[in-house]
């Protein structure tokens, strides 16, 4: 009896240890690699950004630029007056309208989608200081068609603009998709219909499937919340076409992975500005050469550029992103017709 009791205890203990160890391995297998105890991280294991003193050094170096980054020193930037009438009557045709910066209106299979909407004069936590808009939004909010969906790439002030989001909530009450950790910020501002997403998760709206996909960037709205919320991009799959919105991103293999997993893209809306100096910006912002490389990785038919000609956020000449992108496309063997640089306010129907 004594032997049997000890045997039972021994077997029970060993069984407990086996279950415990297996549970640890099971937990490790489901924990996603971009989730860490301190926040989220990029797919690139070698990713790192410059620290505070590098940013101070950059601000000093800016004083010695051989050209101006003051919009007042440039000719008027091309704008199109868009009263929204064509957009309001469009019920089925695929279209992209550039509002400015990373804000585009995508119309797809009867769904109206805004990307990273910002109508504010400044991209800043306060209204009296910070980067100021030097070109007006390409269409007024009151002239927009009914907005069904808003997609937010990350929580930086030039991509998650709370004053604009509150206006859109009041007028349209759209579904807002955003990365993990951002829901509370939006709910606290009265934005009610919010869905958080992790990379590769899907959401549905009518006939559309919207997939939140990886980018190489970072998040934060203050000094203490670095990488506490998730950043990303979106692939919108419709009945026939696919549209990719890149948000903010450095270059890495995630573009190839998106095409491999979700298929070739019809329209790639990619950033081409906020690129200089490269020693500072390269980890988080593709330059025109890298944007073209990403375009190829996505196996896309058309490249619609964005993230330029709205706010002065970096050191490249304000009129340089489009010519540089055009040169890189030609050098890479793409057709000129595949490049669709829109004027602010311009709509292109595909």
Foldseek 3Di string as FASTA:
>chain_A
DVVVVVVVVVVVVVVVVVVVVVVVVVVVVPDDPQQDPQFGAAPDPPFDADDDVVVVVQVVVLVVDPDDQDPVVDPDADADAALLPVVQPDQAFWKWAFFAALWIWTAHNRATETFLDDQQQALAPDNPDHWGWPDGGLYDPVSHHQHAEYEFQADRSSRNPLVVLVVNCVPHLHAYEYAPPCPVVNVVSVNPRYDHDDAQDWDDDDQKIKGWHGAQAWYDRDDRCTNNTHGTWIWIDGPPFIETRGHKHADDCRLLVCCVVPNAHAEYEFEADPCPPVVRCRRTHYHLLRRLVSNVSSNYQAYEYRRANTTPNYRDHRPPRVVVNQVNCVVVPHDSVRYDYDGRNDMDTD
